[in-house]
Amino acid sequence: MTKYKIINNIKSEMTADEITALETAQATAQTEINAEKQKIQDAITKKASGKQKLKDLGLDDDEIQALIGA
């Protein structure tokens, strides 16, 4: 598939090296996005797990909220 670039309002075809560099950059960016999404999901999971452990110890929702603010 032909890819194009626009520099100074001039449209031209990308070289094979430019396409490779673009695809590598896109893959790297997607990997970083996925890692950040996983980090956020892990934090959410750990927070829920922590709240459940506090409930298992006998604390009620109001006490848990007072402790962790959530």
PDB file of N, CA and C in Angstrom:
ATOM      1  N   MET A   1       0.846  -1.170   0.000  1.00  0.00           N
ATOM      2  CA  MET A   1       0.000   0.000   0.000  1.00  0.00           C
ATOM      3  C   MET A   1       0.894   1.237   0.000  1.00  0.00           C
ATOM      4  N   THR A   2       0.626   2.137  -0.863  1.00  0.00           N
ATOM      5  CA  THR A   2       1.399   3.363  -0.960  1.00  0.00           C
ATOM      6  C   THR A   2       1.022   4.306   0.169  1.00  0.00           C
ATOM      7  N   LYS A   3       2.061   4.856   0.807  1.00  0.00           N
ATOM      8  CA  LYS A   3       1.836   5.831   1.864  1.00  0.00           C
ATOM      9  C   LYS A   3       2.463   7.143   1.419  1.00  0.00           C
ATOM     10  N   TYR A   4       1.848   8.207   1.881  1.00  0.00           N
ATOM     11  CA  TYR A   4       2.307   9.525   1.469  1.00  0.00           C
ATOM     12  C   TYR A   4       2.669  10.357   2.692  1.00  0.00           C
ATOM     13  N   LYS A   5       3.510  11.350   2.440  1.00  0.00           N
ATOM     14  CA  LYS A   5       3.864  12.323   3.459  1.00  0.00           C
ATOM     15  C   LYS A   5       3.632  13.707   2.864  1.00  0.00           C
ATOM     16  N   ILE A   6       3.364  14.655   3.740  1.00  0.00           N
ATOM     17  CA  ILE A   6       3.173  16.033   3.298  1.00  0.00           C
ATOM     18  C   ILE A   6       4.181  16.896   4.037  1.00  0.00           C
ATOM     19  N   ILE A   7       5.052  17.534   3.280  1.00  0.00           N
ATOM     20  CA  ILE A   7       6.051  18.436   3.836  1.00  0.00           C
ATOM     21  C   ILE A   7       5.965  19.740   3.057  1.00  0.00           C
ATOM     22  N   ASN A   8       5.772  20.819   3.799  1.00  0.00           N
ATOM     23  CA  ASN A   8       5.625  22.155   3.183  1.00  0.00           C
ATOM     24  C   ASN A   8       4.523  22.159   2.117  1.00  0.00           C
ATOM     25  N   ASN A   9       3.410  21.512   2.453  1.00  0.00           N
ATOM     26  CA  ASN A   9       2.252  21.415   1.557  1.00  0.00           C
ATOM     27  C   ASN A   9       2.547  20.693   0.257  1.00  0.00           C
ATOM     28  N   ILE A  10       3.578  19.866   0.236  1.00  0.00           N
ATOM     29  CA  ILE A  10       3.905  19.063  -0.949  1.00  0.00           C
ATOM     30  C   ILE A  10       3.730  17.595  -0.584  1.00  0.00           C
ATOM     31  N   LYS A  11       2.845  16.928  -1.314  1.00  0.00           N
ATOM     32  CA  LYS A  11       2.553  15.523  -1.073  1.00  0.00           C
ATOM     33  C   LYS A  11       3.503  14.673  -1.906  1.00  0.00           C
ATOM     34  N   SER A  12       4.167  13.713  -1.245  1.00  0.00           N
ATOM     35  CA  SER A  12       5.058  12.810  -1.977  1.00  0.00           C
ATOM     36  C   SER A  12       4.995  11.425  -1.346  1.00  0.00           C
ATOM     37  N   GLU A  13       5.384  10.423  -2.127  1.00  0.00           N
ATOM     38  CA  GLU A  13       5.368   9.052  -1.632  1.00  0.00           C
ATOM     39  C   GLU A  13       6.477   8.854  -0.608  1.00  0.00           C
ATOM     40  N   MET A  14       6.194   8.033   0.366  1.00  0.00           N
ATOM     41  CA  MET A  14       7.200   7.695   1.362  1.00  0.00           C
ATOM     42  C   MET A  14       8.097   6.598   0.810  1.00  0.00           C
ATOM     43  N   THR A  15       9.366   6.626   1.197  1.00  0.00           N
ATOM     44  CA  THR A  15      10.286   5.564   0.796  1.00  0.00           C
ATOM     45  C   THR A  15      10.040   4.349   1.682  1.00  0.00           C
ATOM     46  N   ALA A  16      10.617   3.230   1.282  1.00  0.00           N
ATOM     47  CA  ALA A  16      10.475   2.004   2.069  1.00  0.00           C
ATOM     48  C   ALA A  16      11.051   2.196   3.465  1.00  0.00           C
ATOM     49  N   ASP A  17      12.165   2.890   3.576  1.00  0.00           N
ATOM     50  CA  ASP A  17      12.762   3.147   4.887  1.00  0.00           C
ATOM     51  C   ASP A  17      11.857   4.019   5.747  1.00  0.00           C
ATOM     52  N   GLU A  18      11.230   5.008   5.165  1.00  0.00           N
ATOM     53  CA  GLU A  18      10.315   5.882   5.908  1.00  0.00           C
ATOM     54  C   GLU A  18       9.088   5.114   6.382  1.00  0.00           C
ATOM     55  N   ILE A  19       8.588   4.234   5.529  1.00  0.00           N
ATOM     56  CA  ILE A  19       7.433   3.417   5.900  1.00  0.00           C
ATOM     57  C   ILE A  19       7.804   2.494   7.055  1.00  0.00           C
ATOM     58  N   THR A  20       8.979   1.879   6.970  1.00  0.00           N
ATOM     59  CA  THR A  20       9.440   0.997   8.046  1.00  0.00           C
ATOM     60  C   THR A  20       9.578   1.768   9.353  1.00  0.00           C
ATOM     61  N   ALA A  21      10.170   2.951   9.291  1.00  0.00           N
ATOM     62  CA  ALA A  21      10.334   3.778  10.486  1.00  0.00           C
ATOM     63  C   ALA A  21       8.979   4.168  11.069  1.00  0.00           C
ATOM     64  N   LEU A  22       8.023   4.524  10.207  1.00  0.00           N
ATOM     65  CA  LEU A  22       6.686   4.889  10.658  1.00  0.00           C
ATOM     66  C   LEU A  22       6.005   3.710  11.340  1.00  0.00           C
ATOM     67  N   GLU A  23       6.065   2.548  10.722  1.00  0.00           N
ATOM     68  CA  GLU A  23       5.416   1.364  11.285  1.00  0.00           C
ATOM     69  C   GLU A  23       6.061   0.956  12.608  1.00  0.00           C
ATOM     70  N   THR A  24       7.381   1.100  12.711  1.00  0.00           N
ATOM     71  CA  THR A  24       8.073   0.798  13.959  1.00  0.00           C
ATOM     72  C   THR A  24       7.630   1.762  15.057  1.00  0.00           C
ATOM     73  N   ALA A  25       7.545   3.034  14.713  1.00  0.00           N
ATOM     74  CA  ALA A  25       7.110   4.040  15.689  1.00  0.00           C
ATOM     75  C   ALA A  25       5.675   3.779  16.138  1.00  0.00           C
ATOM     76  N   GLN A  26       4.816   3.400  15.200  1.00  0.00           N
ATOM     77  CA  GLN A  26       3.431   3.102  15.550  1.00  0.00           C
ATOM     78  C   GLN A  26       3.343   1.881  16.460  1.00  0.00           C
ATOM     79  N   ALA A  27       4.131   0.856  16.173  1.00  0.00           N
ATOM     80  CA  ALA A  27       4.121  -0.352  17.000  1.00  0.00           C
ATOM     81  C   ALA A  27       4.636  -0.043  18.405  1.00  0.00           C
ATOM     82  N   THR A  28       5.681   0.762  18.486  1.00  0.00           N
ATOM     83  CA  THR A  28       6.225   1.150  19.787  1.00  0.00           C
ATOM     84  C   THR A  28       5.197   1.945  20.584  1.00  0.00           C
ATOM     85  N   ALA A  29       4.539   2.876  19.930  1.00  0.00           N
ATOM     86  CA  ALA A  29       3.521   3.685  20.597  1.00  0.00           C
ATOM     87  C   ALA A  29       2.380   2.808  21.109  1.00  0.00           C
ATOM     88  N   GLN A  30       1.952   1.845  20.298  1.00  0.00           N
ATOM     89  CA  GLN A  30       0.865   0.963  20.712  1.00  0.00           C
ATOM     90  C   GLN A  30       1.279   0.108  21.900  1.00  0.00           C
ATOM     91  N   THR A  31       2.525  -0.355  21.908  1.00  0.00           N
ATOM     92  CA  THR A  31       3.030  -1.135  23.037  1.00  0.00           C
ATOM     93  C   THR A  31       3.013  -0.300  24.306  1.00  0.00           C
ATOM     94  N   GLU A  32       3.428   0.962  24.214  1.00  0.00           N
ATOM     95  CA  GLU A  32       3.426   1.848  25.374  1.00  0.00           C
ATOM     96  C   GLU A  32       2.010   2.133  25.857  1.00  0.00           C
ATOM     97  N   ILE A  33       1.084   2.299  24.927  1.00  0.00           N
ATOM     98  CA  ILE A  33      -0.318   2.519  25.288  1.00  0.00           C
ATOM     99  C   ILE A  33      -0.872   1.299  26.030  1.00  0.00           C
ATOM    100  N   ASN A  34      -0.588   0.113  25.497  1.00  0.00           N
ATOM    101  CA  ASN A  34      -1.074  -1.118  26.137  1.00  0.00           C
ATOM    102  C   ASN A  34      -0.488  -1.288  27.527  1.00  0.00           C
ATOM    103  N   ALA A  35       0.795  -0.954  27.697  1.00  0.00           N
ATOM    104  CA  ALA A  35       1.432  -1.066  29.008  1.00  0.00           C
ATOM    105  C   ALA A  35       0.792  -0.096  29.996  1.00  0.00           C
ATOM    106  N   GLU A  36       0.486   1.109  29.559  1.00  0.00           N
ATOM    107  CA  GLU A  36      -0.148   2.097  30.442  1.00  0.00           C
ATOM    108  C   GLU A  36      -1.563   1.664  30.818  1.00  0.00           C
ATOM    109  N   LYS A  37      -2.306   1.115  29.855  1.00  0.00           N
ATOM    110  CA  LYS A  37      -3.650   0.614  30.151  1.00  0.00           C
ATOM    111  C   LYS A  37      -3.585  -0.513  31.175  1.00  0.00           C
ATOM    112  N   GLN A  38      -2.593  -1.406  31.030  1.00  0.00           N
ATOM    113  CA  GLN A  38      -2.441  -2.517  31.972  1.00  0.00           C
ATOM    114  C   GLN A  38      -2.080  -1.996  33.352  1.00  0.00           C
ATOM    115  N   LYS A  39      -1.234  -0.981  33.423  1.00  0.00           N
ATOM    116  CA  LYS A  39      -0.842  -0.386  34.705  1.00  0.00           C
ATOM    117  C   LYS A  39      -2.066   0.200  35.413  1.00  0.00           C
ATOM    118  N   ILE A  40      -2.923   0.886  34.660  1.00  0.00           N
ATOM    119  CA  ILE A  40      -4.146   1.464  35.234  1.00  0.00           C
ATOM    120  C   ILE A  40      -5.081   0.360  35.718  1.00  0.00           C
ATOM    121  N   GLN A  41      -5.232  -0.680  34.908  1.00  0.00           N
ATOM    122  CA  GLN A  41      -6.117  -1.789  35.286  1.00  0.00           C
ATOM    123  C   GLN A  41      -5.593  -2.499  36.526  1.00  0.00           C
ATOM    124  N   ASP A  42      -4.273  -2.677  36.613  1.00  0.00           N
ATOM    125  CA  ASP A  42      -3.691  -3.307  37.798  1.00  0.00           C
ATOM    126  C   ASP A  42      -3.972  -2.486  39.053  1.00  0.00           C
ATOM    127  N   ALA A  43      -3.865  -1.166  38.942  1.00  0.00           N
ATOM    128  CA  ALA A  43      -4.134  -0.292  40.091  1.00  0.00           C
ATOM    129  C   ALA A  43      -5.588  -0.412  40.535  1.00  0.00           C
ATOM    130  N   ILE A  44      -6.503  -0.460  39.570  1.00  0.00           N
ATOM    131  CA  ILE A  44      -7.923  -0.614  39.886  1.00  0.00           C
ATOM    132  C   ILE A  44      -8.170  -1.948  40.587  1.00  0.00           C
ATOM    133  N   THR A  45      -7.556  -2.999  40.071  1.00  0.00           N
ATOM    134  CA  THR A  45      -7.723  -4.336  40.649  1.00  0.00           C
ATOM    135  C   THR A  45      -7.165  -4.390  42.070  1.00  0.00           C
ATOM    136  N   LYS A  46      -5.993  -3.808  42.277  1.00  0.00           N
ATOM    137  CA  LYS A  46      -5.380  -3.821  43.613  1.00  0.00           C
ATOM    138  C   LYS A  46      -6.201  -3.010  44.610  1.00  0.00           C
ATOM    139  N   LYS A  47      -6.768  -1.915  44.160  1.00  0.00           N
ATOM    140  CA  LYS A  47      -7.599  -1.103  45.048  1.00  0.00           C
ATOM    141  C   LYS A  47      -8.832  -1.899  45.485  1.00  0.00           C
ATOM    142  N   ALA A  48      -9.465  -2.570  44.533  1.00  0.00           N
ATOM    143  CA  ALA A  48     -10.652  -3.372  44.857  1.00  0.00           C
ATOM    144  C   ALA A  48     -10.273  -4.520  45.793  1.00  0.00           C
ATOM    145  N   SER A  49      -9.128  -5.126  45.548  1.00  0.00           N
ATOM    146  CA  SER A  49      -8.667  -6.219  46.395  1.00  0.00           C
ATOM    147  C   SER A  49      -8.395  -5.729  47.816  1.00  0.00           C
ATOM    148  N   GLY A  50      -7.775  -4.571  47.920  1.00  0.00           N
ATOM    149  CA  GLY A  50      -7.495  -3.996  49.235  1.00  0.00           C
ATOM    150  C   GLY A  50      -8.761  -3.677  50.005  1.00  0.00           C
ATOM    151  N   LYS A  51      -9.740  -3.112  49.295  1.00  0.00           N
ATOM    152  CA  LYS A  51     -11.021  -2.801  49.946  1.00  0.00           C
ATOM    153  C   LYS A  51     -11.691  -4.083  50.444  1.00  0.00           C
ATOM    154  N   GLN A  52     -11.619  -5.130  49.631  1.00  0.00           N
ATOM    155  CA  GLN A  52     -12.240  -6.392  50.031  1.00  0.00           C
ATOM    156  C   GLN A  52     -11.540  -6.971  51.252  1.00  0.00           C
ATOM    157  N   LYS A  53     -10.229  -6.861  51.299  1.00  0.00           N
ATOM    158  CA  LYS A  53      -9.489  -7.370  52.456  1.00  0.00           C
ATOM    159  C   LYS A  53      -9.877  -6.612  53.722  1.00  0.00           C
ATOM    160  N   LEU A  54     -10.070  -5.297  53.603  1.00  0.00           N
ATOM    161  CA  LEU A  54     -10.510  -4.520  54.757  1.00  0.00           C
ATOM    162  C   LEU A  54     -11.911  -4.943  55.201  1.00  0.00           C
ATOM    163  N   LYS A  55     -12.794  -5.223  54.234  1.00  0.00           N
ATOM    164  CA  LYS A  55     -14.140  -5.705  54.579  1.00  0.00           C
ATOM    165  C   LYS A  55     -14.052  -7.055  55.276  1.00  0.00           C
ATOM    166  N   ASP A  56     -13.134  -7.909  54.799  1.00  0.00           N
ATOM    167  CA  ASP A  56     -12.964  -9.228  55.415  1.00  0.00           C
ATOM    168  C   ASP A  56     -12.483  -9.109  56.854  1.00  0.00           C
ATOM    169  N   LEU A  57     -11.783  -8.025  57.163  1.00  0.00           N
ATOM    170  CA  LEU A  57     -11.330  -7.790  58.533  1.00  0.00           C
ATOM    171  C   LEU A  57     -12.435  -7.226  59.420  1.00  0.00           C
ATOM    172  N   GLY A  58     -13.568  -6.892  58.817  1.00  0.00           N
ATOM    173  CA  GLY A  58     -14.710  -6.444  59.590  1.00  0.00           C
ATOM    174  C   GLY A  58     -15.010  -4.967  59.497  1.00  0.00           C
ATOM    175  N   LEU A  59     -14.282  -4.226  58.672  1.00  0.00           N
ATOM    176  CA  LEU A  59     -14.575  -2.800  58.525  1.00  0.00           C
ATOM    177  C   LEU A  59     -15.785  -2.620  57.614  1.00  0.00           C
ATOM    178  N   ASP A  60     -16.602  -1.592  57.897  1.00  0.00           N
ATOM    179  CA  ASP A  60     -17.725  -1.306  57.003  1.00  0.00           C
ATOM    180  C   ASP A  60     -17.300  -0.251  55.971  1.00  0.00           C
ATOM    181  N   ASP A  61     -18.186   0.021  55.029  1.00  0.00           N
ATOM    182  CA  ASP A  61     -17.856   0.929  53.928  1.00  0.00           C
ATOM    183  C   ASP A  61     -17.467   2.327  54.408  1.00  0.00           C
ATOM    184  N   ASP A  62     -18.135   2.825  55.440  1.00  0.00           N
ATOM    185  CA  ASP A  62     -17.817   4.155  55.962  1.00  0.00           C
ATOM    186  C   ASP A  62     -16.416   4.195  56.566  1.00  0.00           C
ATOM    187  N   GLU A  63     -16.059   3.148  57.286  1.00  0.00           N
ATOM    188  CA  GLU A  63     -14.720   3.082  57.880  1.00  0.00           C
ATOM    189  C   GLU A  63     -13.640   2.979  56.801  1.00  0.00           C
ATOM    190  N   ILE A  64     -13.925   2.191  55.788  1.00  0.00           N
ATOM    191  CA  ILE A  64     -12.968   2.048  54.685  1.00  0.00           C
ATOM    192  C   ILE A  64     -12.800   3.376  53.968  1.00  0.00           C
ATOM    193  N   GLN A  65     -13.897   4.071  53.731  1.00  0.00           N
ATOM    194  CA  GLN A  65     -13.829   5.368  53.062  1.00  0.00           C
ATOM    195  C   GLN A  65     -13.031   6.369  53.899  1.00  0.00           C
ATOM    196  N   ALA A  66     -13.214   6.322  55.192  1.00  0.00           N
ATOM    197  CA  ALA A  66     -12.461   7.220  56.062  1.00  0.00           C
ATOM    198  C   ALA A  66     -10.975   6.923  56.018  1.00  0.00           C
ATOM    199  N   LEU A  67     -10.625   5.656  55.852  1.00  0.00           N
ATOM    200  CA  LEU A  67      -9.208   5.277  55.803  1.00  0.00           C
ATOM    201  C   LEU A  67      -8.538   5.616  54.477  1.00  0.00           C
ATOM    202  N   ILE A  68      -9.214   5.280  53.383  1.00  0.00           N
ATOM    203  CA  ILE A  68      -8.548   5.424  52.082  1.00  0.00           C
ATOM    204  C   ILE A  68      -9.159   6.495  51.205  1.00  0.00           C
ATOM    205  N   GLY A  69     -10.240   7.073  51.633  1.00  0.00           N
ATOM    206  CA  GLY A  69     -10.850   8.148  50.845  1.00  0.00           C
ATOM    207  C   GLY A  69     -11.495   7.703  49.556  1.00  0.00           C
ATOM    208  N   ALA A  70     -11.952   6.470  49.517  1.00  0.00           N
ATOM    209  CA  ALA A  70     -12.604   5.998  48.299  1.00  0.00           C
ATOM    210  C   ALA A  70     -13.819   5.174  48.633  1.00  0.00           C
TER     211      ALA A  70
END
